[in-house]
Amino acid sequence: MGKLIVLEGIDGSGKSSQYRRICSRLEKDGIAFTHIVFPRYDKESSALLRLYLNGAFGTSPEDVNAYTASTFFAVDRFASFRDDWGKAYSDGALILSDRYTTSNVVHQGSKLADRDLPEFFSWLSDLEFNRMCLPRPDLVIYLETTIEISLRRMRRREKLTHTHADIHEQDVAYLKKCLHTAELACDFFGWQRIACVDENGAERNIDEKNDEIYALIRRSLS
């Protein structure tokens, strides 16, 4: 089997930028890999999750419970594994993923009380890794951020791309809960954290964070 490494972070954490930089560094160093990004909005398997994120089932994330919404995203991952990268993984390839089951952990788990999270975390892991037979990540790297940085980056992205925020991104209280849930998930699953701010609360340099991420990946591959 191959190796699956996941980059995770809430919207506006800088995850996508770091992901692109890591892909470039792997290519420069001659390390073969397959890159995947979730959700796959351009695929038929994402139809339900697109309806959900666009507000067809309610304009608040809580209008669809954590368990139901998680299945929308899980189906897209299952289709991706079967159609795109399953054979490469089975043949021993390195798979680098921008989001994965970890996103359901954070975004759907945030709908639940803290006391209910261990049950949800275990249910989700069983659904995707045991029942649907998707690979478990070998390494999850979580980009810690603050709500202020997250919102600032999302608003900047909207202006540059002329896009509108989905129901997750529009709900600030929900995003704050996602940050809290992610911290609990890091402890529960043993994810590796990359701090986006220093001890004084200032945002860290993008290259400094990228060096930390790349070092974790190279260590995992050795």
N, C-alpha and C. Protein backbone atom coordinates (compact mmCIF):
# COMPACT_ATOMS: atom_id res chain seq x y z
N MET A 1 0.83 -1.20 0.00
CA MET A 1 0.00 0.00 0.00
C MET A 1 0.86 1.26 0.00
N GLY A 2 0.27 2.34 -0.41
CA GLY A 2 0.99 3.59 -0.46
C GLY A 2 0.96 4.34 0.85
N LYS A 3 1.20 5.63 0.76
CA LYS A 3 1.19 6.48 1.94
C LYS A 3 0.28 7.67 1.65
N LEU A 4 -0.60 7.96 2.60
CA LEU A 4 -1.57 9.05 2.44
C LEU A 4 -1.27 10.14 3.46
N ILE A 5 -0.98 11.35 2.97
CA ILE A 5 -0.69 12.50 3.82
C ILE A 5 -1.71 13.58 3.54
N VAL A 6 -2.30 14.14 4.59
CA VAL A 6 -3.40 15.08 4.46
C VAL A 6 -3.03 16.42 5.08
N LEU A 7 -3.33 17.49 4.35
CA LEU A 7 -3.26 18.85 4.90
C LEU A 7 -4.67 19.29 5.23
N GLU A 8 -4.85 19.77 6.46
CA GLU A 8 -6.18 20.17 6.92
C GLU A 8 -6.12 21.54 7.59
N GLY A 9 -7.22 22.26 7.52
CA GLY A 9 -7.33 23.57 8.16
C GLY A 9 -8.66 24.18 7.78
N ILE A 10 -9.18 25.04 8.63
CA ILE A 10 -10.47 25.66 8.31
C ILE A 10 -10.28 26.66 7.16
N ASP A 11 -11.39 27.14 6.62
CA ASP A 11 -11.33 28.13 5.55
C ASP A 11 -10.55 29.36 6.01
N GLY A 12 -9.63 29.81 5.16
CA GLY A 12 -8.83 30.97 5.50
C GLY A 12 -7.60 30.67 6.33
N SER A 13 -7.24 29.40 6.45
CA SER A 13 -6.05 29.03 7.24
C SER A 13 -4.77 29.10 6.41
N GLY A 14 -4.91 29.29 5.10
CA GLY A 14 -3.73 29.28 4.24
C GLY A 14 -3.37 27.89 3.75
N LYS A 15 -4.27 26.94 3.96
CA LYS A 15 -3.99 25.55 3.62
C LYS A 15 -3.73 25.34 2.13
N SER A 16 -4.56 25.93 1.29
CA SER A 16 -4.40 25.72 -0.15
C SER A 16 -3.07 26.27 -0.66
N SER A 17 -2.66 27.42 -0.14
CA SER A 17 -1.37 27.98 -0.53
C SER A 17 -0.23 27.07 -0.09
N GLN A 18 -0.31 26.56 1.12
CA GLN A 18 0.72 25.65 1.60
C GLN A 18 0.74 24.35 0.79
N TYR A 19 -0.43 23.89 0.43
CA TYR A 19 -0.53 22.66 -0.36
C TYR A 19 0.17 22.83 -1.70
N ARG A 20 -0.07 23.95 -2.37
CA ARG A 20 0.58 24.18 -3.66
C ARG A 20 2.09 24.26 -3.51
N ARG A 21 2.55 24.88 -2.45
CA ARG A 21 4.00 25.00 -2.23
C ARG A 21 4.62 23.62 -1.96
N ILE A 22 3.92 22.80 -1.20
CA ILE A 22 4.44 21.45 -0.91
C ILE A 22 4.51 20.63 -2.19
N CYS A 23 3.49 20.73 -3.03
CA CYS A 23 3.52 20.02 -4.31
C CYS A 23 4.73 20.43 -5.13
N SER A 24 5.01 21.72 -5.16
CA SER A 24 6.16 22.22 -5.92
C SER A 24 7.47 21.70 -5.35
N ARG A 25 7.58 21.64 -4.04
CA ARG A 25 8.81 21.17 -3.42
C ARG A 25 9.03 19.68 -3.67
N LEU A 26 7.96 18.90 -3.61
CA LEU A 26 8.08 17.47 -3.90
C LEU A 26 8.54 17.25 -5.34
N GLU A 27 7.95 18.02 -6.26
CA GLU A 27 8.34 17.90 -7.67
C GLU A 27 9.81 18.30 -7.86
N LYS A 28 10.22 19.38 -7.21
CA LYS A 28 11.60 19.86 -7.33
C LYS A 28 12.59 18.83 -6.80
N ASP A 29 12.19 18.13 -5.73
CA ASP A 29 13.07 17.13 -5.13
C ASP A 29 12.95 15.76 -5.80
N GLY A 30 12.15 15.68 -6.85
CA GLY A 30 12.04 14.43 -7.59
C GLY A 30 11.27 13.34 -6.87
N ILE A 31 10.37 13.72 -5.98
CA ILE A 31 9.58 12.74 -5.23
C ILE A 31 8.23 12.57 -5.93
N ALA A 32 7.98 11.37 -6.44
CA ALA A 32 6.74 11.10 -7.16
C ALA A 32 5.56 11.07 -6.19
N PHE A 33 4.45 11.67 -6.59
CA PHE A 33 3.27 11.67 -5.75
C PHE A 33 2.04 11.93 -6.61
N THR A 34 0.89 11.61 -6.05
CA THR A 34 -0.40 11.93 -6.66
C THR A 34 -1.10 12.92 -5.76
N HIS A 35 -1.60 14.01 -6.32
CA HIS A 35 -2.26 15.01 -5.49
C HIS A 35 -3.76 14.98 -5.72
N ILE A 36 -4.52 15.10 -4.64
CA ILE A 36 -5.97 15.10 -4.70
C ILE A 36 -6.51 16.23 -3.83
N VAL A 37 -7.66 16.77 -4.21
CA VAL A 37 -8.27 17.89 -3.51
C VAL A 37 -9.75 17.58 -3.30
N PHE A 38 -10.23 17.81 -2.09
CA PHE A 38 -11.65 17.61 -1.77
C PHE A 38 -12.24 18.92 -1.26
N PRO A 39 -13.56 19.12 -1.49
CA PRO A 39 -14.46 18.30 -2.30
C PRO A 39 -14.17 18.49 -3.79
N ARG A 40 -14.69 17.57 -4.60
CA ARG A 40 -14.52 17.64 -6.05
C ARG A 40 -15.80 18.24 -6.64
N TYR A 41 -15.86 19.55 -6.63
CA TYR A 41 -17.09 20.24 -7.01
C TYR A 41 -17.50 20.01 -8.46
N ASP A 42 -16.56 19.61 -9.30
CA ASP A 42 -16.86 19.44 -10.72
C ASP A 42 -17.32 18.03 -11.07
N LYS A 43 -17.48 17.16 -10.07
CA LYS A 43 -17.86 15.77 -10.30
C LYS A 43 -19.30 15.51 -9.87
N GLU A 44 -19.94 14.55 -10.53
CA GLU A 44 -21.32 14.21 -10.20
C GLU A 44 -21.46 13.71 -8.77
N SER A 45 -20.42 13.09 -8.25
CA SER A 45 -20.48 12.53 -6.90
C SER A 45 -20.60 13.61 -5.82
N SER A 46 -20.39 14.88 -6.20
CA SER A 46 -20.49 15.97 -5.23
C SER A 46 -21.83 16.68 -5.28
N ALA A 47 -22.79 16.12 -6.00
CA ALA A 47 -24.07 16.81 -6.20
C ALA A 47 -24.76 17.16 -4.88
N LEU A 48 -24.86 16.21 -3.97
CA LEU A 48 -25.56 16.47 -2.70
C LEU A 48 -24.81 17.47 -1.84
N LEU A 49 -23.49 17.37 -1.80
CA LEU A 49 -22.74 18.30 -0.95
C LEU A 49 -22.79 19.71 -1.52
N ARG A 50 -22.86 19.85 -2.86
CA ARG A 50 -23.01 21.18 -3.45
C ARG A 50 -24.37 21.78 -3.10
N LEU A 51 -25.40 20.97 -3.16
CA LEU A 51 -26.72 21.44 -2.75
C LEU A 51 -26.70 21.89 -1.29
N TYR A 52 -26.06 21.09 -0.46
CA TYR A 52 -25.96 21.41 0.97
C TYR A 52 -25.22 22.72 1.21
N LEU A 53 -24.04 22.87 0.60
CA LEU A 53 -23.22 24.06 0.83
C LEU A 53 -23.85 25.31 0.23
N ASN A 54 -24.64 25.15 -0.81
CA ASN A 54 -25.30 26.30 -1.43
C ASN A 54 -26.63 26.65 -0.76
N GLY A 55 -26.99 25.92 0.29
CA GLY A 55 -28.17 26.28 1.08
C GLY A 55 -29.47 25.66 0.64
N ALA A 56 -29.43 24.63 -0.23
CA ALA A 56 -30.67 24.02 -0.69
C ALA A 56 -31.41 23.30 0.42
N PHE A 57 -30.70 22.84 1.44
CA PHE A 57 -31.31 22.10 2.54
C PHE A 57 -31.46 22.95 3.80
N GLY A 58 -31.17 24.25 3.68
CA GLY A 58 -31.23 25.16 4.81
C GLY A 58 -30.06 26.13 4.75
N THR A 59 -30.29 27.32 5.22
CA THR A 59 -29.27 28.37 5.09
C THR A 59 -28.26 28.38 6.23
N SER A 60 -28.43 27.51 7.21
CA SER A 60 -27.49 27.39 8.33
C SER A 60 -26.87 26.00 8.28
N PRO A 61 -25.57 25.86 8.62
CA PRO A 61 -24.95 24.54 8.64
C PRO A 61 -25.71 23.55 9.52
N GLU A 62 -26.30 24.03 10.62
CA GLU A 62 -26.99 23.15 11.55
C GLU A 62 -28.31 22.61 11.02
N ASP A 63 -28.76 23.11 9.87
CA ASP A 63 -30.02 22.62 9.29
C ASP A 63 -29.90 21.18 8.80
N VAL A 64 -28.67 20.72 8.59
CA VAL A 64 -28.42 19.32 8.24
C VAL A 64 -27.47 18.76 9.29
N ASN A 65 -27.89 17.71 9.99
CA ASN A 65 -27.09 17.25 11.12
C ASN A 65 -25.75 16.67 10.70
N ALA A 66 -24.85 16.53 11.65
CA ALA A 66 -23.46 16.14 11.37
C ALA A 66 -23.36 14.80 10.66
N TYR A 67 -24.19 13.86 11.04
CA TYR A 67 -24.12 12.52 10.46
C TYR A 67 -24.59 12.51 9.01
N THR A 68 -25.69 13.20 8.75
CA THR A 68 -26.23 13.25 7.39
C THR A 68 -25.27 13.98 6.45
N ALA A 69 -24.83 15.17 6.86
CA ALA A 69 -23.93 15.95 6.00
C ALA A 69 -22.63 15.20 5.73
N SER A 70 -22.15 14.47 6.73
CA SER A 70 -20.89 13.73 6.54
C SER A 70 -20.99 12.71 5.42
N THR A 71 -22.18 12.11 5.28
CA THR A 71 -22.32 11.10 4.22
C THR A 71 -22.22 11.72 2.83
N PHE A 72 -22.65 12.99 2.67
CA PHE A 72 -22.53 13.65 1.37
C PHE A 72 -21.07 13.71 0.93
N PHE A 73 -20.21 14.13 1.85
CA PHE A 73 -18.79 14.27 1.55
C PHE A 73 -18.10 12.91 1.43
N ALA A 74 -18.54 11.95 2.23
CA ALA A 74 -17.93 10.62 2.19
C ALA A 74 -18.14 9.94 0.84
N VAL A 75 -19.32 10.12 0.26
CA VAL A 75 -19.61 9.53 -1.04
C VAL A 75 -18.67 10.09 -2.10
N ASP A 76 -18.40 11.38 -2.06
CA ASP A 76 -17.48 11.99 -3.01
C ASP A 76 -16.08 11.41 -2.85
N ARG A 77 -15.65 11.19 -1.61
CA ARG A 77 -14.33 10.60 -1.39
C ARG A 77 -14.27 9.17 -1.89
N PHE A 78 -15.34 8.40 -1.67
CA PHE A 78 -15.38 7.03 -2.15
C PHE A 78 -15.26 6.99 -3.67
N ALA A 79 -16.02 7.85 -4.36
CA ALA A 79 -15.96 7.90 -5.82
C ALA A 79 -14.57 8.30 -6.30
N SER A 80 -13.96 9.24 -5.61
CA SER A 80 -12.61 9.68 -5.97
C SER A 80 -11.61 8.53 -5.83
N PHE A 81 -11.71 7.80 -4.74
CA PHE A 81 -10.79 6.68 -4.50
C PHE A 81 -10.93 5.64 -5.60
N ARG A 82 -12.16 5.32 -5.96
CA ARG A 82 -12.39 4.30 -6.99
C ARG A 82 -12.01 4.79 -8.38
N ASP A 83 -12.24 6.05 -8.67
CA ASP A 83 -12.04 6.56 -10.02
C ASP A 83 -10.64 7.12 -10.27
N ASP A 84 -10.05 7.73 -9.25
CA ASP A 84 -8.86 8.57 -9.49
C ASP A 84 -7.55 8.02 -8.93
N TRP A 85 -7.55 7.63 -7.66
CA TRP A 85 -6.26 7.39 -7.02
C TRP A 85 -6.14 6.06 -6.28
N GLY A 86 -7.18 5.25 -6.29
CA GLY A 86 -7.13 3.98 -5.57
C GLY A 86 -6.05 3.04 -6.06
N LYS A 87 -5.93 2.92 -7.40
CA LYS A 87 -4.91 2.01 -7.94
C LYS A 87 -3.51 2.49 -7.61
N ALA A 88 -3.29 3.80 -7.74
CA ALA A 88 -1.97 4.35 -7.42
C ALA A 88 -1.62 4.08 -5.97
N TYR A 89 -2.60 4.25 -5.08
CA TYR A 89 -2.35 3.99 -3.66
C TYR A 89 -2.03 2.51 -3.45
N SER A 90 -2.80 1.63 -4.08
CA SER A 90 -2.57 0.19 -3.93
C SER A 90 -1.20 -0.22 -4.46
N ASP A 91 -0.72 0.52 -5.47
CA ASP A 91 0.59 0.21 -6.06
C ASP A 91 1.75 0.83 -5.29
N GLY A 92 1.44 1.54 -4.18
CA GLY A 92 2.50 2.06 -3.32
C GLY A 92 2.81 3.53 -3.46
N ALA A 93 1.94 4.28 -4.14
CA ALA A 93 2.22 5.69 -4.39
C ALA A 93 2.04 6.54 -3.14
N LEU A 94 2.72 7.68 -3.14
CA LEU A 94 2.49 8.72 -2.14
C LEU A 94 1.29 9.54 -2.62
N ILE A 95 0.30 9.71 -1.75
CA ILE A 95 -0.88 10.50 -2.06
C ILE A 95 -0.88 11.71 -1.12
N LEU A 96 -0.92 12.90 -1.71
CA LEU A 96 -0.99 14.13 -0.93
C LEU A 96 -2.37 14.73 -1.12
N SER A 97 -3.11 14.90 -0.04
CA SER A 97 -4.50 15.32 -0.14
C SER A 97 -4.76 16.66 0.56
N ASP A 98 -5.43 17.54 -0.16
CA ASP A 98 -5.92 18.81 0.39
C ASP A 98 -7.34 18.54 0.89
N ARG A 99 -7.47 18.35 2.19
CA ARG A 99 -8.69 17.92 2.88
C ARG A 99 -8.89 16.41 2.69
N TYR A 100 -9.70 15.85 3.61
CA TYR A 100 -10.02 14.42 3.54
C TYR A 100 -11.16 14.20 4.55
N THR A 101 -11.26 13.01 5.08
CA THR A 101 -12.22 12.74 6.15
C THR A 101 -12.06 13.74 7.29
N THR A 102 -10.87 14.21 7.47
CA THR A 102 -10.55 15.18 8.51
C THR A 102 -11.43 16.43 8.45
N SER A 103 -11.86 16.81 7.24
CA SER A 103 -12.72 17.99 7.12
C SER A 103 -14.10 17.74 7.71
N ASN A 104 -14.61 16.52 7.56
CA ASN A 104 -15.88 16.18 8.22
C ASN A 104 -15.71 16.20 9.73
N VAL A 105 -14.58 15.72 10.19
CA VAL A 105 -14.30 15.74 11.63
C VAL A 105 -14.45 17.15 12.17
N VAL A 106 -13.86 18.12 11.48
CA VAL A 106 -13.85 19.50 11.95
C VAL A 106 -15.18 20.20 11.71
N HIS A 107 -15.64 20.18 10.46
CA HIS A 107 -16.79 21.00 10.09
C HIS A 107 -18.13 20.40 10.53
N GLN A 108 -18.24 19.09 10.50
CA GLN A 108 -19.49 18.48 10.96
C GLN A 108 -19.46 18.22 12.46
N GLY A 109 -18.30 17.88 12.98
CA GLY A 109 -18.18 17.69 14.43
C GLY A 109 -18.50 18.94 15.20
N SER A 110 -18.30 20.10 14.57
CA SER A 110 -18.57 21.37 15.26
C SER A 110 -20.05 21.59 15.55
N LYS A 111 -20.90 20.77 14.94
CA LYS A 111 -22.34 20.88 15.20
C LYS A 111 -22.75 20.19 16.50
N LEU A 112 -21.84 19.46 17.09
CA LEU A 112 -22.14 18.63 18.25
C LEU A 112 -21.52 19.20 19.52
N ALA A 113 -22.10 18.83 20.64
CA ALA A 113 -21.52 19.18 21.94
C ALA A 113 -20.22 18.40 22.14
N ASP A 114 -19.32 18.97 22.92
CA ASP A 114 -18.02 18.32 23.15
C ASP A 114 -18.18 16.89 23.65
N ARG A 115 -19.16 16.66 24.51
CA ARG A 115 -19.34 15.32 25.08
C ARG A 115 -19.75 14.28 24.04
N ASP A 116 -20.29 14.75 22.90
CA ASP A 116 -20.74 13.83 21.86
C ASP A 116 -19.69 13.61 20.78
N LEU A 117 -18.59 14.31 20.85
CA LEU A 117 -17.59 14.23 19.78
C LEU A 117 -16.87 12.88 19.70
N PRO A 118 -16.46 12.27 20.81
CA PRO A 118 -15.78 10.97 20.67
C PRO A 118 -16.64 9.94 19.93
N GLU A 119 -17.94 9.93 20.22
CA GLU A 119 -18.83 8.99 19.53
C GLU A 119 -18.88 9.31 18.03
N PHE A 120 -18.97 10.60 17.69
CA PHE A 120 -19.02 11.00 16.28
C PHE A 120 -17.70 10.68 15.59
N PHE A 121 -16.59 11.01 16.23
CA PHE A 121 -15.28 10.73 15.63
C PHE A 121 -15.14 9.23 15.33
N SER A 122 -15.56 8.40 16.26
CA SER A 122 -15.46 6.95 16.07
C SER A 122 -16.40 6.46 14.97
N TRP A 123 -17.61 7.02 14.94
CA TRP A 123 -18.57 6.65 13.90
C TRP A 123 -18.05 7.00 12.52
N LEU A 124 -17.50 8.20 12.38
CA LEU A 124 -17.02 8.66 11.08
C LEU A 124 -15.84 7.81 10.62
N SER A 125 -14.94 7.49 11.52
CA SER A 125 -13.79 6.65 11.17
C SER A 125 -14.26 5.26 10.74
N ASP A 126 -15.25 4.73 11.43
CA ASP A 126 -15.77 3.42 11.07
C ASP A 126 -16.45 3.46 9.70
N LEU A 127 -17.24 4.51 9.45
CA LEU A 127 -17.94 4.65 8.18
C LEU A 127 -16.97 4.67 7.00
N GLU A 128 -15.99 5.55 7.06
CA GLU A 128 -15.13 5.75 5.90
C GLU A 128 -14.01 4.72 5.79
N PHE A 129 -13.38 4.39 6.91
CA PHE A 129 -12.21 3.53 6.84
C PHE A 129 -12.54 2.04 6.93
N ASN A 130 -13.61 1.69 7.63
CA ASN A 130 -13.98 0.28 7.75
C ASN A 130 -15.08 -0.10 6.76
N ARG A 131 -16.20 0.64 6.79
CA ARG A 131 -17.34 0.29 5.94
C ARG A 131 -17.10 0.62 4.48
N MET A 132 -16.54 1.80 4.20
CA MET A 132 -16.31 2.22 2.81
C MET A 132 -14.92 1.84 2.31
N CYS A 133 -14.08 1.34 3.22
CA CYS A 133 -12.75 0.84 2.89
C CYS A 133 -11.83 1.90 2.28
N LEU A 134 -11.98 3.15 2.71
CA LEU A 134 -11.05 4.19 2.30
C LEU A 134 -9.80 4.12 3.17
N PRO A 135 -8.65 4.52 2.64
CA PRO A 135 -7.41 4.44 3.43
C PRO A 135 -7.41 5.41 4.61
N ARG A 136 -6.83 4.98 5.70
CA ARG A 136 -6.58 5.89 6.82
C ARG A 136 -5.34 6.72 6.51
N PRO A 137 -5.35 8.00 6.85
CA PRO A 137 -4.15 8.81 6.63
C PRO A 137 -2.98 8.33 7.47
N ASP A 138 -1.79 8.37 6.90
CA ASP A 138 -0.58 8.06 7.66
C ASP A 138 -0.11 9.28 8.44
N LEU A 139 -0.46 10.46 7.93
CA LEU A 139 -0.07 11.71 8.58
C LEU A 139 -1.11 12.78 8.25
N VAL A 140 -1.59 13.46 9.29
CA VAL A 140 -2.47 14.61 9.10
C VAL A 140 -1.78 15.84 9.68
N ILE A 141 -1.64 16.86 8.86
CA ILE A 141 -1.01 18.11 9.29
C ILE A 141 -2.10 19.17 9.35
N TYR A 142 -2.33 19.69 10.54
CA TYR A 142 -3.40 20.67 10.74
C TYR A 142 -2.82 22.06 10.92
N LEU A 143 -3.31 23.00 10.11
CA LEU A 143 -2.84 24.39 10.19
C LEU A 143 -3.72 25.16 11.16
N GLU A 144 -3.16 25.45 12.33
CA GLU A 144 -3.87 26.25 13.32
C GLU A 144 -3.93 27.70 12.87
N THR A 145 -5.04 28.36 13.11
CA THR A 145 -5.15 29.77 12.78
C THR A 145 -6.05 30.45 13.80
N THR A 146 -6.37 31.70 13.57
CA THR A 146 -7.31 32.43 14.43
C THR A 146 -8.51 32.84 13.59
N ILE A 147 -9.60 33.16 14.24
CA ILE A 147 -10.80 33.55 13.51
C ILE A 147 -10.56 34.86 12.75
N GLU A 148 -9.75 35.75 13.32
CA GLU A 148 -9.47 37.03 12.66
C GLU A 148 -8.73 36.81 11.35
N ILE A 149 -7.69 35.98 11.37
CA ILE A 149 -6.92 35.70 10.16
C ILE A 149 -7.79 34.98 9.14
N SER A 150 -8.57 34.02 9.61
CA SER A 150 -9.43 33.27 8.71
C SER A 150 -10.40 34.17 7.97
N LEU A 151 -11.09 35.05 8.69
CA LEU A 151 -12.07 35.93 8.06
C LEU A 151 -11.41 36.91 7.11
N ARG A 152 -10.25 37.45 7.50
CA ARG A 152 -9.56 38.41 6.64
C ARG A 152 -9.17 37.76 5.31
N ARG A 153 -8.66 36.55 5.38
CA ARG A 153 -8.25 35.86 4.16
C ARG A 153 -9.44 35.50 3.28
N MET A 154 -10.53 35.06 3.89
CA MET A 154 -11.70 34.70 3.10
C MET A 154 -12.28 35.90 2.37
N ARG A 155 -12.35 37.04 3.06
CA ARG A 155 -12.89 38.24 2.42
C ARG A 155 -11.99 38.69 1.27
N ARG A 156 -10.67 38.57 1.46
CA ARG A 156 -9.74 38.94 0.40
C ARG A 156 -9.91 38.01 -0.80
N ARG A 157 -10.09 36.72 -0.52
CA ARG A 157 -10.29 35.75 -1.61
C ARG A 157 -11.56 36.03 -2.39
N GLU A 158 -12.62 36.37 -1.67
CA GLU A 158 -13.89 36.67 -2.34
C GLU A 158 -13.74 37.85 -3.30
N LYS A 159 -13.00 38.88 -2.89
CA LYS A 159 -12.81 40.05 -3.75
C LYS A 159 -11.98 39.71 -4.98
N LEU A 160 -10.95 38.88 -4.78
CA LEU A 160 -10.06 38.55 -5.89
C LEU A 160 -10.72 37.62 -6.89
N THR A 161 -11.54 36.69 -6.41
CA THR A 161 -12.11 35.67 -7.28
C THR A 161 -13.56 35.95 -7.66
N HIS A 162 -14.14 36.98 -7.03
CA HIS A 162 -15.54 37.34 -7.28
C HIS A 162 -16.48 36.16 -6.98
N THR A 163 -16.16 35.43 -5.91
CA THR A 163 -17.00 34.31 -5.49
C THR A 163 -17.73 34.68 -4.21
N HIS A 164 -18.75 33.90 -3.88
CA HIS A 164 -19.53 34.12 -2.68
C HIS A 164 -19.28 32.99 -1.67
N ALA A 165 -19.28 33.34 -0.40
CA ALA A 165 -19.05 32.36 0.65
C ALA A 165 -20.21 31.36 0.72
N ASP A 166 -19.87 30.10 1.02
CA ASP A 166 -20.93 29.10 1.21
C ASP A 166 -21.48 29.22 2.63
N ILE A 167 -22.45 28.36 3.00
CA ILE A 167 -23.11 28.51 4.29
C ILE A 167 -22.17 28.27 5.46
N HIS A 168 -21.08 27.52 5.24
CA HIS A 168 -20.08 27.35 6.30
C HIS A 168 -19.32 28.65 6.52
N GLU A 169 -18.88 29.24 5.42
CA GLU A 169 -18.01 30.42 5.49
C GLU A 169 -18.74 31.67 5.95
N GLN A 170 -20.06 31.70 5.80
CA GLN A 170 -20.83 32.88 6.17
C GLN A 170 -21.13 32.96 7.66
N ASP A 171 -20.97 31.86 8.37
CA ASP A 171 -21.38 31.76 9.77
C ASP A 171 -20.15 31.87 10.68
N VAL A 172 -19.93 33.05 11.25
CA VAL A 172 -18.72 33.27 12.05
C VAL A 172 -18.73 32.42 13.32
N ALA A 173 -19.89 32.31 13.98
CA ALA A 173 -19.97 31.49 15.19
C ALA A 173 -19.64 30.04 14.88
N TYR A 174 -20.09 29.59 13.72
CA TYR A 174 -19.81 28.22 13.28
C TYR A 174 -18.31 28.04 13.06
N LEU A 175 -17.65 29.01 12.42
CA LEU A 175 -16.22 28.92 12.18
C LEU A 175 -15.43 28.89 13.49
N LYS A 176 -15.89 29.66 14.47
CA LYS A 176 -15.23 29.64 15.78
C LYS A 176 -15.36 28.26 16.42
N LYS A 177 -16.52 27.65 16.28
CA LYS A 177 -16.72 26.30 16.83
C LYS A 177 -15.84 25.29 16.09
N CYS A 178 -15.64 25.50 14.78
CA CYS A 178 -14.76 24.62 14.02
C CYS A 178 -13.33 24.66 14.57
N LEU A 179 -12.86 25.85 14.91
CA LEU A 179 -11.52 25.97 15.49
C LEU A 179 -11.42 25.19 16.79
N HIS A 180 -12.45 25.30 17.62
CA HIS A 180 -12.46 24.57 18.89
C HIS A 180 -12.50 23.06 18.65
N THR A 181 -13.36 22.63 17.74
CA THR A 181 -13.48 21.20 17.45
C THR A 181 -12.18 20.64 16.89
N ALA A 182 -11.52 21.42 16.06
CA ALA A 182 -10.25 20.97 15.48
C ALA A 182 -9.20 20.74 16.55
N GLU A 183 -9.17 21.59 17.56
CA GLU A 183 -8.22 21.40 18.65
C GLU A 183 -8.47 20.07 19.37
N LEU A 184 -9.74 19.77 19.61
CA LEU A 184 -10.08 18.50 20.25
C LEU A 184 -9.74 17.32 19.34
N ALA A 185 -9.96 17.49 18.04
CA ALA A 185 -9.66 16.42 17.09
C ALA A 185 -8.16 16.14 17.02
N CYS A 186 -7.36 17.19 17.10
CA CYS A 186 -5.90 17.00 17.08
C CYS A 186 -5.47 16.10 18.22
N ASP A 187 -6.04 16.30 19.38
CA ASP A 187 -5.71 15.47 20.53
C ASP A 187 -6.25 14.05 20.37
N PHE A 188 -7.47 13.93 19.87
CA PHE A 188 -8.13 12.63 19.74
C PHE A 188 -7.42 11.75 18.72
N PHE A 189 -7.07 12.32 17.57
CA PHE A 189 -6.50 11.53 16.47
C PHE A 189 -4.98 11.59 16.39
N GLY A 190 -4.36 12.53 17.11
CA GLY A 190 -2.91 12.66 17.04
C GLY A 190 -2.41 13.40 15.81
N TRP A 191 -3.19 14.39 15.35
CA TRP A 191 -2.76 15.19 14.21
C TRP A 191 -1.57 16.06 14.60
N GLN A 192 -0.72 16.38 13.61
CA GLN A 192 0.41 17.28 13.82
C GLN A 192 -0.06 18.72 13.58
N ARG A 193 0.24 19.61 14.52
CA ARG A 193 -0.17 21.00 14.42
C ARG A 193 0.95 21.87 13.83
N ILE A 194 0.54 22.83 12.99
CA ILE A 194 1.43 23.87 12.50
C ILE A 194 0.82 25.20 12.92
N ALA A 195 1.47 25.90 13.84
CA ALA A 195 0.93 27.17 14.34
C ALA A 195 1.04 28.25 13.27
N CYS A 196 -0.04 28.98 13.06
CA CYS A 196 -0.04 30.06 12.07
C CYS A 196 0.29 31.42 12.68
N VAL A 197 0.33 31.48 14.00
CA VAL A 197 0.73 32.70 14.69
C VAL A 197 1.81 32.36 15.71
N ASP A 198 2.65 33.35 16.02
CA ASP A 198 3.70 33.12 17.01
C ASP A 198 3.17 33.37 18.41
N GLU A 199 4.08 33.30 19.40
CA GLU A 199 3.66 33.43 20.80
C GLU A 199 3.11 34.82 21.12
N ASN A 200 3.40 35.80 20.26
CA ASN A 200 2.89 37.15 20.46
C ASN A 200 1.59 37.43 19.70
N GLY A 201 1.10 36.40 18.98
CA GLY A 201 -0.14 36.56 18.24
C GLY A 201 0.03 37.10 16.83
N ALA A 202 1.28 37.30 16.41
CA ALA A 202 1.54 37.80 15.06
C ALA A 202 1.55 36.63 14.06
N GLU A 203 1.07 36.89 12.87
CA GLU A 203 1.03 35.84 11.85
C GLU A 203 2.44 35.46 11.42
N ARG A 204 2.70 34.16 11.37
CA ARG A 204 4.03 33.67 11.01
C ARG A 204 4.26 33.74 9.51
N ASN A 205 5.52 33.78 9.13
CA ASN A 205 5.92 33.83 7.73
C ASN A 205 5.51 32.55 7.01
N ILE A 206 5.01 32.70 5.79
CA ILE A 206 4.51 31.55 5.04
C ILE A 206 5.61 30.53 4.75
N ASP A 207 6.82 31.00 4.50
CA ASP A 207 7.92 30.08 4.20
C ASP A 207 8.34 29.30 5.45
N GLU A 208 8.32 29.96 6.58
CA GLU A 208 8.67 29.28 7.83
C GLU A 208 7.70 28.14 8.12
N LYS A 209 6.42 28.40 7.92
CA LYS A 209 5.43 27.35 8.14
C LYS A 209 5.60 26.23 7.12
N ASN A 210 5.90 26.60 5.88
CA ASN A 210 6.06 25.60 4.84
C ASN A 210 7.25 24.69 5.13
N ASP A 211 8.32 25.25 5.66
CA ASP A 211 9.48 24.43 6.02
C ASP A 211 9.10 23.40 7.08
N GLU A 212 8.28 23.79 8.04
CA GLU A 212 7.85 22.86 9.09
C GLU A 212 6.99 21.74 8.50
N ILE A 213 6.08 22.12 7.61
CA ILE A 213 5.21 21.13 6.98
C ILE A 213 6.04 20.14 6.17
N TYR A 214 6.97 20.67 5.38
CA TYR A 214 7.77 19.81 4.51
C TYR A 214 8.67 18.88 5.33
N ALA A 215 9.16 19.36 6.44
CA ALA A 215 9.99 18.52 7.30
C ALA A 215 9.18 17.36 7.86
N LEU A 216 7.94 17.60 8.24
CA LEU A 216 7.07 16.53 8.73
C LEU A 216 6.83 15.49 7.64
N ILE A 217 6.62 15.96 6.42
CA ILE A 217 6.36 15.04 5.32
C ILE A 217 7.59 14.20 5.00
N ARG A 218 8.75 14.84 4.92
CA ARG A 218 9.98 14.10 4.62
C ARG A 218 10.29 13.09 5.71
N ARG A 219 10.01 13.46 6.96
CA ARG A 219 10.24 12.54 8.07
C ARG A 219 9.31 11.32 7.95
N SER A 220 8.07 11.58 7.52
CA SER A 220 7.10 10.50 7.36
C SER A 220 7.51 9.55 6.24
N LEU A 221 8.20 10.07 5.23
CA LEU A 221 8.59 9.26 4.09
C LEU A 221 9.87 8.46 4.33
N SER A 222 10.65 8.88 5.32
CA SER A 222 11.94 8.22 5.55
C SER A 222 11.77 6.92 6.34
